[in-house]
């Protein structure tokens, strides 16, 4: 059986198309809208994080520093960092479930 982290990896690979650097490019269904600037899929084993190919490397570095803290309350800081270069117009938070 796959671990929760492996399942989350499969989940993000189904949700988005990726480039060769594992950066998300578009949503993986028509009309293939632009992918979000960041995806964080958290499990009890860790997180799967994907960044948009449109994000500047310095912004990615700031986001990684926050995510690497392993704090359960880093969402606010991620929003602050993403707001540096432009206003956030949409935020989606939702569960993905696995039943045994």
N, C-alpha and C. Protein backbone atom coordinates (compact mmCIF):
# COMPACT_ATOMS: atom_id res chain seq x y z
N UNK A 1 0.84 -1.18 0.00
CA UNK A 1 0.00 0.00 0.00
C UNK A 1 0.88 1.25 0.00
N UNK A 2 0.45 2.26 -0.74
CA UNK A 2 1.21 3.50 -0.81
C UNK A 2 1.04 4.31 0.48
N UNK A 3 2.09 5.04 0.84
CA UNK A 3 2.01 5.91 2.01
C UNK A 3 1.19 7.15 1.67
N UNK A 4 0.79 7.88 2.71
CA UNK A 4 0.03 9.12 2.49
C UNK A 4 0.85 10.12 1.67
N UNK A 5 2.15 10.17 1.90
CA UNK A 5 3.01 11.08 1.16
C UNK A 5 3.07 10.68 -0.32
N UNK A 6 3.17 9.39 -0.58
CA UNK A 6 3.17 8.91 -1.97
C UNK A 6 1.83 9.20 -2.65
N UNK A 7 0.74 9.04 -1.91
CA UNK A 7 -0.58 9.35 -2.46
C UNK A 7 -0.72 10.84 -2.77
N UNK A 8 -0.17 11.68 -1.90
CA UNK A 8 -0.22 13.13 -2.14
C UNK A 8 0.60 13.49 -3.38
N UNK A 9 1.71 12.82 -3.57
CA UNK A 9 2.54 13.03 -4.76
C UNK A 9 1.73 12.68 -6.02
N UNK A 10 1.03 11.57 -5.98
CA UNK A 10 0.18 11.18 -7.12
C UNK A 10 -0.92 12.22 -7.33
N UNK A 11 -1.49 12.69 -6.23
CA UNK A 11 -2.57 13.67 -6.29
C UNK A 11 -2.12 14.95 -7.01
N UNK A 12 -1.00 15.50 -6.62
CA UNK A 12 -0.52 16.74 -7.23
C UNK A 12 -0.14 16.51 -8.69
N UNK A 13 0.34 15.32 -9.02
CA UNK A 13 0.68 15.03 -10.41
C UNK A 13 -0.55 14.90 -11.29
N UNK A 14 -1.69 14.54 -10.69
CA UNK A 14 -2.94 14.49 -11.45
C UNK A 14 -3.55 15.89 -11.56
N UNK A 15 -3.43 16.69 -10.52
CA UNK A 15 -4.03 18.03 -10.53
C UNK A 15 -3.39 18.97 -11.53
N UNK A 16 -2.06 18.89 -11.69
CA UNK A 16 -1.34 19.89 -12.48
C UNK A 16 -0.37 19.25 -13.46
N UNK A 17 -0.12 19.96 -14.56
CA UNK A 17 0.97 19.59 -15.45
C UNK A 17 2.22 20.24 -14.90
N UNK A 18 3.35 19.55 -15.09
CA UNK A 18 4.63 20.02 -14.55
C UNK A 18 5.66 20.18 -15.67
N UNK A 19 6.64 21.04 -15.43
CA UNK A 19 7.76 21.13 -16.36
C UNK A 19 8.86 20.17 -15.89
N UNK A 20 10.01 20.22 -16.52
CA UNK A 20 11.09 19.29 -16.19
C UNK A 20 11.70 19.54 -14.81
N UNK A 21 11.45 20.71 -14.24
CA UNK A 21 11.97 21.04 -12.90
C UNK A 21 10.92 20.81 -11.81
N UNK A 22 9.84 20.08 -12.15
CA UNK A 22 8.73 19.79 -11.22
C UNK A 22 8.03 21.05 -10.75
N UNK A 23 8.01 22.07 -11.60
CA UNK A 23 7.25 23.29 -11.34
C UNK A 23 5.90 23.13 -12.03
N UNK A 24 4.83 23.57 -11.35
CA UNK A 24 3.51 23.45 -11.95
C UNK A 24 3.34 24.51 -13.04
N UNK A 25 2.68 24.10 -14.12
CA UNK A 25 2.50 25.00 -15.26
C UNK A 25 1.03 25.36 -15.48
N UNK A 26 0.17 24.33 -15.57
CA UNK A 26 -1.26 24.55 -15.78
C UNK A 26 -2.06 23.51 -15.02
N UNK A 27 -3.33 23.82 -14.82
CA UNK A 27 -4.26 22.85 -14.24
C UNK A 27 -4.46 21.75 -15.28
N UNK A 28 -4.48 20.51 -14.84
CA UNK A 28 -4.48 19.37 -15.75
C UNK A 28 -5.88 18.97 -16.22
N UNK A 29 -6.67 19.96 -16.62
CA UNK A 29 -7.97 19.69 -17.24
C UNK A 29 -8.36 20.92 -18.05
N UNK A 30 -9.10 20.71 -19.13
CA UNK A 30 -9.51 21.86 -19.96
C UNK A 30 -10.29 22.86 -19.13
N UNK A 31 -10.09 24.10 -19.31
CA UNK A 31 -9.34 24.78 -20.37
C UNK A 31 -7.86 25.00 -20.05
N UNK A 32 -7.29 24.21 -19.15
CA UNK A 32 -5.87 24.27 -18.80
C UNK A 32 -5.48 25.66 -18.30
N UNK A 33 -6.20 26.11 -17.28
CA UNK A 33 -5.90 27.41 -16.66
C UNK A 33 -4.51 27.39 -16.05
N UNK A 34 -3.98 28.58 -15.84
CA UNK A 34 -2.66 28.72 -15.22
C UNK A 34 -2.70 28.08 -13.83
N UNK A 35 -1.66 27.36 -13.49
CA UNK A 35 -1.56 26.70 -12.19
C UNK A 35 -1.38 27.75 -11.09
N UNK A 36 -1.71 27.39 -9.86
CA UNK A 36 -1.50 28.32 -8.74
C UNK A 36 -0.01 28.59 -8.54
N UNK A 37 0.28 29.68 -7.84
CA UNK A 37 1.68 30.02 -7.59
C UNK A 37 2.34 29.03 -6.65
N UNK A 38 1.56 28.40 -5.78
CA UNK A 38 2.12 27.39 -4.87
C UNK A 38 1.03 26.36 -4.55
N UNK A 39 1.45 25.13 -4.38
CA UNK A 39 0.60 24.05 -3.90
C UNK A 39 1.32 23.41 -2.73
N UNK A 40 0.63 23.28 -1.60
CA UNK A 40 1.19 22.59 -0.44
C UNK A 40 0.18 21.51 -0.05
N UNK A 41 0.58 20.26 -0.19
CA UNK A 41 -0.25 19.13 0.21
C UNK A 41 0.35 18.49 1.44
N UNK A 42 -0.25 18.71 2.58
CA UNK A 42 0.30 18.23 3.83
C UNK A 42 -0.25 16.88 4.24
N UNK A 43 0.62 16.03 4.75
CA UNK A 43 0.23 14.75 5.33
C UNK A 43 0.94 14.62 6.68
N UNK A 44 0.58 13.61 7.44
CA UNK A 44 1.27 13.40 8.72
C UNK A 44 2.71 12.95 8.52
N UNK A 45 3.07 12.56 7.30
CA UNK A 45 4.44 12.14 7.00
C UNK A 45 5.29 13.27 6.42
N UNK A 46 4.67 14.38 6.09
CA UNK A 46 5.39 15.49 5.47
C UNK A 46 4.50 16.17 4.45
N UNK A 47 5.10 17.06 3.68
CA UNK A 47 4.34 17.82 2.70
C UNK A 47 4.92 17.65 1.30
N UNK A 48 4.04 17.75 0.32
CA UNK A 48 4.44 17.82 -1.08
C UNK A 48 4.21 19.26 -1.49
N UNK A 49 5.27 19.93 -1.92
CA UNK A 49 5.19 21.34 -2.27
C UNK A 49 5.58 21.50 -3.74
N UNK A 50 4.79 22.26 -4.46
CA UNK A 50 5.09 22.59 -5.85
C UNK A 50 4.95 24.10 -6.03
N UNK A 51 5.87 24.66 -6.78
CA UNK A 51 5.86 26.08 -7.08
C UNK A 51 5.55 26.29 -8.56
N UNK A 52 4.94 27.41 -8.86
CA UNK A 52 4.66 27.76 -10.24
C UNK A 52 5.95 28.08 -10.97
N UNK A 53 5.99 27.75 -12.24
CA UNK A 53 7.16 28.11 -13.05
C UNK A 53 7.28 29.62 -13.19
N UNK A 54 6.22 30.36 -12.85
CA UNK A 54 6.21 31.82 -12.98
C UNK A 54 6.85 32.52 -11.77
N UNK A 55 7.08 31.80 -10.67
CA UNK A 55 7.62 32.43 -9.47
C UNK A 55 9.11 32.70 -9.60
N UNK A 56 9.51 33.86 -9.17
CA UNK A 56 10.90 34.26 -9.14
C UNK A 56 11.66 33.40 -8.13
N UNK A 57 12.90 33.08 -8.42
CA UNK A 57 13.71 32.21 -7.56
C UNK A 57 13.86 32.78 -6.14
N UNK A 58 13.97 34.09 -6.01
CA UNK A 58 14.12 34.68 -4.68
C UNK A 58 12.83 34.52 -3.86
N UNK A 59 11.69 34.58 -4.51
CA UNK A 59 10.42 34.37 -3.83
C UNK A 59 10.28 32.91 -3.40
N UNK A 60 10.69 32.00 -4.26
CA UNK A 60 10.66 30.57 -3.93
C UNK A 60 11.55 30.30 -2.72
N UNK A 61 12.71 30.92 -2.68
CA UNK A 61 13.62 30.73 -1.55
C UNK A 61 12.97 31.19 -0.24
N UNK A 62 12.29 32.33 -0.27
CA UNK A 62 11.60 32.82 0.94
C UNK A 62 10.50 31.85 1.36
N UNK A 63 9.74 31.35 0.39
CA UNK A 63 8.67 30.40 0.70
C UNK A 63 9.24 29.12 1.29
N UNK A 64 10.33 28.63 0.71
CA UNK A 64 10.96 27.40 1.22
C UNK A 64 11.44 27.57 2.65
N UNK A 65 11.98 28.74 2.98
CA UNK A 65 12.45 28.98 4.34
C UNK A 65 11.31 28.87 5.34
N UNK A 66 10.15 29.40 4.98
CA UNK A 66 8.99 29.33 5.87
C UNK A 66 8.50 27.89 5.98
N UNK A 67 8.38 27.20 4.85
CA UNK A 67 7.88 25.83 4.86
C UNK A 67 8.83 24.91 5.61
N UNK A 68 10.13 25.16 5.52
CA UNK A 68 11.12 24.31 6.19
C UNK A 68 11.08 24.45 7.71
N UNK A 69 10.37 25.45 8.23
CA UNK A 69 10.27 25.59 9.69
C UNK A 69 9.41 24.50 10.30
N UNK A 70 8.62 23.80 9.48
CA UNK A 70 7.70 22.75 9.94
C UNK A 70 6.67 23.27 10.94
N UNK A 71 6.42 24.56 10.92
CA UNK A 71 5.40 25.14 11.78
C UNK A 71 4.02 24.81 11.21
N UNK A 72 3.09 24.51 12.07
CA UNK A 72 1.73 24.21 11.61
C UNK A 72 0.97 25.49 11.25
N UNK A 73 1.52 26.63 11.58
CA UNK A 73 0.82 27.89 11.34
C UNK A 73 1.57 28.80 10.36
N UNK A 74 2.15 28.22 9.31
CA UNK A 74 2.90 29.04 8.37
C UNK A 74 2.07 29.62 7.24
N UNK A 75 0.78 29.30 7.17
CA UNK A 75 -0.06 29.78 6.08
C UNK A 75 -0.06 31.31 5.99
N UNK A 76 -0.20 31.98 7.12
CA UNK A 76 -0.20 33.44 7.12
C UNK A 76 1.08 34.02 6.56
N UNK A 77 2.21 33.42 6.91
CA UNK A 77 3.50 33.90 6.41
C UNK A 77 3.62 33.64 4.91
N UNK A 78 3.12 32.50 4.43
CA UNK A 78 3.14 32.23 2.98
C UNK A 78 2.32 33.27 2.23
N UNK A 79 1.16 33.62 2.79
CA UNK A 79 0.31 34.65 2.17
C UNK A 79 1.04 35.98 2.13
N UNK A 80 1.71 36.34 3.22
CA UNK A 80 2.47 37.60 3.25
C UNK A 80 3.56 37.61 2.18
N UNK A 81 4.28 36.53 2.03
CA UNK A 81 5.35 36.47 1.04
C UNK A 81 4.79 36.54 -0.38
N UNK A 82 3.72 35.79 -0.64
CA UNK A 82 3.12 35.80 -1.98
C UNK A 82 2.51 37.15 -2.32
N UNK A 83 2.15 37.94 -1.31
CA UNK A 83 1.57 39.26 -1.53
C UNK A 83 2.63 40.30 -1.87
N UNK A 84 3.89 39.96 -1.75
CA UNK A 84 4.96 40.91 -2.04
C UNK A 84 4.92 41.37 -3.49
N UNK A 85 4.79 40.42 -4.42
CA UNK A 85 4.85 40.80 -5.83
C UNK A 85 3.49 41.09 -6.45
N UNK A 86 2.42 40.57 -5.87
CA UNK A 86 1.08 40.91 -6.36
C UNK A 86 0.02 40.43 -5.36
N UNK A 87 -1.14 41.06 -5.47
CA UNK A 87 -2.26 40.75 -4.57
C UNK A 87 -2.76 39.33 -4.81
N UNK A 88 -3.13 38.66 -3.73
CA UNK A 88 -3.72 37.33 -3.83
C UNK A 88 -5.22 37.51 -4.05
N UNK A 89 -5.72 36.93 -5.14
CA UNK A 89 -7.13 37.06 -5.48
C UNK A 89 -7.93 35.80 -5.17
N UNK A 90 -7.24 34.69 -4.94
CA UNK A 90 -7.94 33.43 -4.74
C UNK A 90 -7.10 32.54 -3.84
N UNK A 91 -7.77 31.92 -2.88
CA UNK A 91 -7.11 30.99 -1.97
C UNK A 91 -8.03 29.79 -1.81
N UNK A 92 -7.50 28.60 -2.03
CA UNK A 92 -8.31 27.40 -1.87
C UNK A 92 -7.65 26.50 -0.85
N UNK A 93 -8.41 26.12 0.13
CA UNK A 93 -7.95 25.19 1.16
C UNK A 93 -9.00 24.10 1.26
N UNK A 94 -8.56 22.87 1.17
CA UNK A 94 -9.54 21.81 1.25
C UNK A 94 -8.90 20.48 1.58
N UNK A 95 -9.71 19.58 2.07
CA UNK A 95 -9.18 18.26 2.45
C UNK A 95 -9.14 17.28 1.28
N UNK A 96 -8.25 16.34 1.41
CA UNK A 96 -8.21 15.16 0.54
C UNK A 96 -8.19 13.98 1.50
N UNK A 97 -9.09 13.04 1.31
CA UNK A 97 -9.24 11.95 2.27
C UNK A 97 -8.77 10.62 1.71
N UNK A 98 -8.30 9.79 2.61
CA UNK A 98 -7.96 8.40 2.30
C UNK A 98 -8.61 7.54 3.38
N UNK A 99 -9.36 6.55 2.96
CA UNK A 99 -9.96 5.61 3.91
C UNK A 99 -9.30 4.25 3.77
N UNK A 100 -9.14 3.58 4.88
CA UNK A 100 -8.57 2.24 4.86
C UNK A 100 -9.65 1.22 4.58
